[in-house]
Amino acid sequence: MKYVIFSDVHGNLDALDAVLAHASREDTNGYLCLGDVIGYGANPNECVELLRSLPDCVCLKGNHDAAVADERQRTFFHEVALEGIRFTERELTTENMKYLRELEYVHRIGELMAVHASPFRPEAWEYVLDQSGAARAFDAMGECRVAFIGHSHAPVVFTDDGFAERFI
């Protein structure tokens, strides 16, 4: 099975359109968004509506999605991020806000896990940036053998034998 996996759109409709245009050239079984559909960009409604319209699309809750739907989730946001959240809060339709509020933290497909932040307490929004964070993630994966994790904006592959490869 082949999935289009992407994360951290942050309300950037041009970037989302580019990803989906590229993906449309492939034969895929579905879409998997690892969260943060909204946040900084000027097109939160358009991004949410586009994802909602995709066939076989699973979208997970990111920390920005959670923060726009629940003020208690805004504690650790810096001022620029808060401005993006406030803008999005004013702009989102009731239906799109409801969609973000109802997103799940984790999705499993067989031995594959998808999550916005670390599988170790995903609602705590822990970043997986180094081998110790990866070790906690591996411990929390249970029977899953592969996890796709968003949140960090830094592409890296960790394996459970201590290997890490970063992509720039």
C-alpha atoms as a PDB file:
ATOM      1  CA  MET A   1       0.000   0.000   0.000  1.00  0.00           C
ATOM      2  CA  LYS A   2       1.203   3.493  -0.806  1.00  0.00           C
ATOM      3  CA  TYR A   3       0.163   6.539   1.216  1.00  0.00           C
ATOM      4  CA  VAL A   4       0.817  10.239   0.802  1.00  0.00           C
ATOM      5  CA  ILE A   5       2.211  11.239   4.210  1.00  0.00           C
ATOM      6  CA  PHE A   6       2.706  14.898   5.094  1.00  0.00           C
ATOM      7  CA  SER A   7       2.677  17.139   8.128  1.00  0.00           C
ATOM      8  CA  ASP A   8       2.774  20.679   9.450  1.00  0.00           C
ATOM      9  CA  VAL A   9       0.868  22.484   6.699  1.00  0.00           C
ATOM     10  CA  HIS A  10       0.251  25.408   9.092  1.00  0.00           C
ATOM     11  CA  GLY A  11      -2.378  27.073   6.913  1.00  0.00           C
ATOM     12  CA  ASN A  12      -0.067  27.338   3.884  1.00  0.00           C
ATOM     13  CA  LEU A  13      -2.424  26.553   1.015  1.00  0.00           C
ATOM     14  CA  ASP A  14       0.226  27.015  -1.690  1.00  0.00           C
ATOM     15  CA  ALA A  15       2.473  24.430  -0.045  1.00  0.00           C
ATOM     16  CA  LEU A  16      -0.419  21.998   0.472  1.00  0.00           C
ATOM     17  CA  ASP A  17      -1.469  22.400  -3.174  1.00  0.00           C
ATOM     18  CA  ALA A  18       2.120  21.683  -4.289  1.00  0.00           C
ATOM     19  CA  VAL A  19       2.345  18.524  -2.153  1.00  0.00           C
ATOM     20  CA  LEU A  20      -0.992  17.241  -3.402  1.00  0.00           C
ATOM     21  CA  ALA A  21      -0.162  18.073  -7.042  1.00  0.00           C
ATOM     22  CA  HIS A  22       3.063  16.093  -6.730  1.00  0.00           C
ATOM     23  CA  ALA A  23       1.233  13.225  -5.040  1.00  0.00           C
ATOM     24  CA  SER A  24      -1.435  13.131  -7.756  1.00  0.00           C
ATOM     25  CA  ARG A  25       1.172  11.729 -10.158  1.00  0.00           C
ATOM     26  CA  GLU A  26       1.408   8.590  -8.019  1.00  0.00           C
ATOM     27  CA  ASP A  27      -1.002   5.720  -7.590  1.00  0.00           C
ATOM     28  CA  THR A  28      -1.829   5.938  -3.867  1.00  0.00           C
ATOM     29  CA  ASN A  29      -4.183   4.270  -1.418  1.00  0.00           C
ATOM     30  CA  GLY A  30      -4.861   7.346   0.687  1.00  0.00           C
ATOM     31  CA  TYR A  31      -3.588  10.374   2.511  1.00  0.00           C
ATOM     32  CA  LEU A  32      -2.166  10.656   5.995  1.00  0.00           C
ATOM     33  CA  CYS A  33      -1.708  14.131   7.493  1.00  0.00           C
ATOM     34  CA  LEU A  34       0.347  14.068  10.695  1.00  0.00           C
ATOM     35  CA  GLY A  35      -1.251  17.220  12.098  1.00  0.00           C
ATOM     36  CA  ASP A  36      -0.848  20.974  12.370  1.00  0.00           C
ATOM     37  CA  VAL A  37      -3.151  21.751   9.475  1.00  0.00           C
ATOM     38  CA  ILE A  38      -3.382  25.314  10.759  1.00  0.00           C
ATOM     39  CA  GLY A  39      -1.130  27.698  12.651  1.00  0.00           C
ATOM     40  CA  TYR A  40       0.803  30.446  10.898  1.00  0.00           C
ATOM     41  CA  GLY A  41      -0.570  30.675   7.360  1.00  0.00           C
ATOM     42  CA  ALA A  42      -3.322  32.822   5.931  1.00  0.00           C
ATOM     43  CA  ASN A  43      -5.559  30.019   4.613  1.00  0.00           C
ATOM     44  CA  PRO A  44      -6.742  27.887   7.522  1.00  0.00           C
ATOM     45  CA  ASN A  45     -10.259  27.244   6.191  1.00  0.00           C
ATOM     46  CA  GLU A  46      -9.057  26.394   2.718  1.00  0.00           C
ATOM     47  CA  CYS A  47      -6.473  23.940   4.072  1.00  0.00           C
ATOM     48  CA  VAL A  48      -8.957  22.207   6.374  1.00  0.00           C
ATOM     49  CA  GLU A  49     -11.591  22.028   3.636  1.00  0.00           C
ATOM     50  CA  LEU A  50      -9.104  20.619   1.131  1.00  0.00           C
ATOM     51  CA  LEU A  51      -8.068  17.873   3.536  1.00  0.00           C
ATOM     52  CA  ARG A  52     -11.683  17.116   4.368  1.00  0.00           C
ATOM     53  CA  SER A  53     -12.413  16.708   0.656  1.00  0.00           C
ATOM     54  CA  LEU A  54      -9.629  14.197  -0.018  1.00  0.00           C
ATOM     55  CA  PRO A  55     -10.747  10.599  -0.462  1.00  0.00           C
ATOM     56  CA  ASP A  56      -9.344   8.189   2.107  1.00  0.00           C
ATOM     57  CA  CYS A  57      -7.669  10.925   4.151  1.00  0.00           C
ATOM     58  CA  VAL A  58      -6.775  10.477   7.797  1.00  0.00           C
ATOM     59  CA  CYS A  59      -5.761  13.657   9.580  1.00  0.00           C
ATOM     60  CA  LEU A  60      -4.303  13.697  13.079  1.00  0.00           C
ATOM     61  CA  LYS A  61      -4.364  16.406  15.725  1.00  0.00           C
ATOM     62  CA  GLY A  62      -1.281  18.599  16.017  1.00  0.00           C
ATOM     63  CA  ASN A  63      -0.465  21.041  18.789  1.00  0.00           C
ATOM     64  CA  HIS A  64      -1.594  24.038  16.700  1.00  0.00           C
ATOM     65  CA  ASP A  65      -4.863  22.276  15.838  1.00  0.00           C
ATOM     66  CA  ALA A  66      -5.392  21.569  19.543  1.00  0.00           C
ATOM     67  CA  ALA A  67      -4.513  25.142  20.563  1.00  0.00           C
ATOM     68  CA  VAL A  68      -6.982  26.773  18.215  1.00  0.00           C
ATOM     69  CA  ALA A  69      -9.748  24.541  19.568  1.00  0.00           C
ATOM     70  CA  ASP A  70      -8.815  24.806  23.266  1.00  0.00           C
ATOM     71  CA  GLU A  71      -7.187  27.837  24.924  1.00  0.00           C
ATOM     72  CA  ARG A  72      -5.697  25.609  27.644  1.00  0.00           C
ATOM     73  CA  GLN A  73      -3.399  24.134  24.981  1.00  0.00           C
ATOM     74  CA  ARG A  74      -1.673  27.497  24.349  1.00  0.00           C
ATOM     75  CA  THR A  75       0.597  27.564  27.407  1.00  0.00           C
ATOM     76  CA  PHE A  76       3.890  26.851  25.657  1.00  0.00           C
ATOM     77  CA  PHE A  77       3.364  28.853  22.463  1.00  0.00           C
ATOM     78  CA  HIS A  78       5.608  31.826  21.693  1.00  0.00           C
ATOM     79  CA  GLU A  79       4.011  35.127  20.694  1.00  0.00           C
ATOM     80  CA  VAL A  80       4.291  34.655  16.904  1.00  0.00           C
ATOM     81  CA  ALA A  81       2.616  31.247  17.149  1.00  0.00           C
ATOM     82  CA  LEU A  82      -0.088  32.704  19.401  1.00  0.00           C
ATOM     83  CA  GLU A  83      -0.822  35.410  16.830  1.00  0.00           C
ATOM     84  CA  GLY A  84      -1.292  32.685  14.226  1.00  0.00           C
ATOM     85  CA  ILE A  85      -3.603  30.784  16.577  1.00  0.00           C
ATOM     86  CA  ARG A  86      -5.664  33.913  17.332  1.00  0.00           C
ATOM     87  CA  PHE A  87      -5.946  34.738  13.608  1.00  0.00           C
ATOM     88  CA  THR A  88      -7.023  31.186  12.840  1.00  0.00           C
ATOM     89  CA  GLU A  89      -9.519  31.193  15.713  1.00  0.00           C
ATOM     90  CA  ARG A  90     -11.195  34.296  14.244  1.00  0.00           C
ATOM     91  CA  GLU A  91     -11.191  32.914  10.684  1.00  0.00           C
ATOM     92  CA  LEU A  92     -12.220  29.268  11.051  1.00  0.00           C
ATOM     93  CA  THR A  93     -15.772  28.297  10.294  1.00  0.00           C
ATOM     94  CA  THR A  94     -17.695  26.496  13.017  1.00  0.00           C
ATOM     95  CA  GLU A  95     -17.630  23.306  10.938  1.00  0.00           C
ATOM     96  CA  ASN A  96     -13.850  23.456  10.417  1.00  0.00           C
ATOM     97  CA  MET A  97     -13.272  24.169  14.118  1.00  0.00           C
ATOM     98  CA  LYS A  98     -15.381  21.128  14.983  1.00  0.00           C
ATOM     99  CA  TYR A  99     -13.332  19.015  12.552  1.00  0.00           C
ATOM    100  CA  LEU A 100     -10.041  20.052  14.207  1.00  0.00           C
ATOM    101  CA  ARG A 101     -11.465  19.525  17.693  1.00  0.00           C
ATOM    102  CA  GLU A 102     -12.436  15.938  16.844  1.00  0.00           C
ATOM    103  CA  LEU A 103      -9.124  14.824  15.318  1.00  0.00           C
ATOM    104  CA  GLU A 104      -7.386  11.880  16.964  1.00  0.00           C
ATOM    105  CA  TYR A 105      -3.816  11.848  18.271  1.00  0.00           C
ATOM    106  CA  VAL A 106      -2.735   8.460  16.895  1.00  0.00           C
ATOM    107  CA  HIS A 107      -3.615   6.322  13.894  1.00  0.00           C
ATOM    108  CA  ARG A 108      -2.515   2.739  13.273  1.00  0.00           C
ATOM    109  CA  ILE A 109      -2.509   0.790  10.028  1.00  0.00           C
ATOM    110  CA  GLY A 110      -1.231  -2.705  10.710  1.00  0.00           C
ATOM    111  CA  GLU A 111       2.342  -2.344  12.002  1.00  0.00           C
ATOM    112  CA  LEU A 112       2.461   1.360  11.070  1.00  0.00           C
ATOM    113  CA  MET A 113       1.768   4.150  13.563  1.00  0.00           C
ATOM    114  CA  ALA A 114       1.176   7.786  12.690  1.00  0.00           C
ATOM    115  CA  VAL A 115       1.252  10.579  15.261  1.00  0.00           C
ATOM    116  CA  HIS A 116       2.021  14.301  15.374  1.00  0.00           C
ATOM    117  CA  ALA A 117       4.362  14.218  18.375  1.00  0.00           C
ATOM    118  CA  SER A 118       6.055  11.383  20.233  1.00  0.00           C
ATOM    119  CA  PRO A 119       4.011   8.189  20.640  1.00  0.00           C
ATOM    120  CA  PHE A 120       5.046   8.505  24.289  1.00  0.00           C
ATOM    121  CA  ARG A 121       2.096  10.605  25.543  1.00  0.00           C
ATOM    122  CA  PRO A 122       1.212  12.208  22.171  1.00  0.00           C
ATOM    123  CA  GLU A 123      -1.002  14.823  23.836  1.00  0.00           C
ATOM    124  CA  ALA A 124       2.073  16.208  25.670  1.00  0.00           C
ATOM    125  CA  TRP A 125       3.562  17.356  22.332  1.00  0.00           C
ATOM    126  CA  GLU A 126       7.061  16.024  22.999  1.00  0.00           C
ATOM    127  CA  TYR A 127       9.467  16.418  20.086  1.00  0.00           C
ATOM    128  CA  VAL A 128      11.496  13.454  18.838  1.00  0.00           C
ATOM    129  CA  LEU A 129      14.801  15.164  18.086  1.00  0.00           C
ATOM    130  CA  ASP A 130      17.468  12.820  19.399  1.00  0.00           C
ATOM    131  CA  GLN A 131      18.133   9.201  20.285  1.00  0.00           C
ATOM    132  CA  SER A 132      16.723   9.495  23.820  1.00  0.00           C
ATOM    133  CA  GLY A 133      13.434  10.881  22.474  1.00  0.00           C
ATOM    134  CA  ALA A 134      13.446   8.161  19.823  1.00  0.00           C
ATOM    135  CA  ALA A 135      13.993   5.501  22.513  1.00  0.00           C
ATOM    136  CA  ARG A 136      10.886   6.734  24.401  1.00  0.00           C
ATOM    137  CA  ALA A 137       8.959   6.675  21.121  1.00  0.00           C
ATOM    138  CA  PHE A 138      10.078   3.112  20.336  1.00  0.00           C
ATOM    139  CA  ASP A 139       9.084   1.969  23.831  1.00  0.00           C
ATOM    140  CA  ALA A 140       5.601   3.455  23.353  1.00  0.00           C
ATOM    141  CA  MET A 141       4.966   1.952  19.904  1.00  0.00           C
ATOM    142  CA  GLY A 142       3.864  -1.449  21.166  1.00  0.00           C
ATOM    143  CA  GLU A 143       3.406  -3.868  18.271  1.00  0.00           C
ATOM    144  CA  CYS A 144       4.010  -1.194  15.640  1.00  0.00           C
ATOM    145  CA  ARG A 145       7.307  -1.466  13.792  1.00  0.00           C
ATOM    146  CA  VAL A 146       7.294   1.897  11.986  1.00  0.00           C
ATOM    147  CA  ALA A 147       6.134   5.320  13.151  1.00  0.00           C
ATOM    148  CA  PHE A 148       5.703   8.468  11.120  1.00  0.00           C
ATOM    149  CA  ILE A 149       5.987  11.507  13.384  1.00  0.00           C
ATOM    150  CA  GLY A 150       5.511  15.175  12.462  1.00  0.00           C
ATOM    151  CA  HIS A 151       5.980  18.179  14.749  1.00  0.00           C
ATOM    152  CA  SER A 152       9.750  18.757  14.520  1.00  0.00           C
ATOM    153  CA  HIS A 153       9.887  20.105  10.939  1.00  0.00           C
ATOM    154  CA  ALA A 154      13.202  18.222  10.710  1.00  0.00           C
ATOM    155  CA  PRO A 155      13.313  15.065   8.576  1.00  0.00           C
ATOM    156  CA  VAL A 156      15.223  12.335  10.360  1.00  0.00           C
ATOM    157  CA  VAL A 157      15.130   8.544  10.504  1.00  0.00           C
ATOM    158  CA  PHE A 158      15.805   6.787  13.819  1.00  0.00           C
ATOM    159  CA  THR A 159      16.179   3.042  14.173  1.00  0.00           C
ATOM    160  CA  ASP A 160      15.978   1.103  17.419  1.00  0.00           C
ATOM    161  CA  ASP A 161      19.655   0.122  17.182  1.00  0.00           C
ATOM    162  CA  GLY A 162      20.775   3.735  17.701  1.00  0.00           C
ATOM    163  CA  PHE A 163      21.173   4.728  14.048  1.00  0.00           C
ATOM    164  CA  ALA A 164      19.998   8.197  13.006  1.00  0.00           C
ATOM    165  CA  GLU A 165      20.094   9.863   9.607  1.00  0.00           C
ATOM    166  CA  ARG A 166      19.131  13.483   9.144  1.00  0.00           C
ATOM    167  CA  PHE A 167      17.986  14.915   5.829  1.00  0.00           C
ATOM    168  CA  ILE A 168      18.526  18.534   4.937  1.00  0.00           C
END
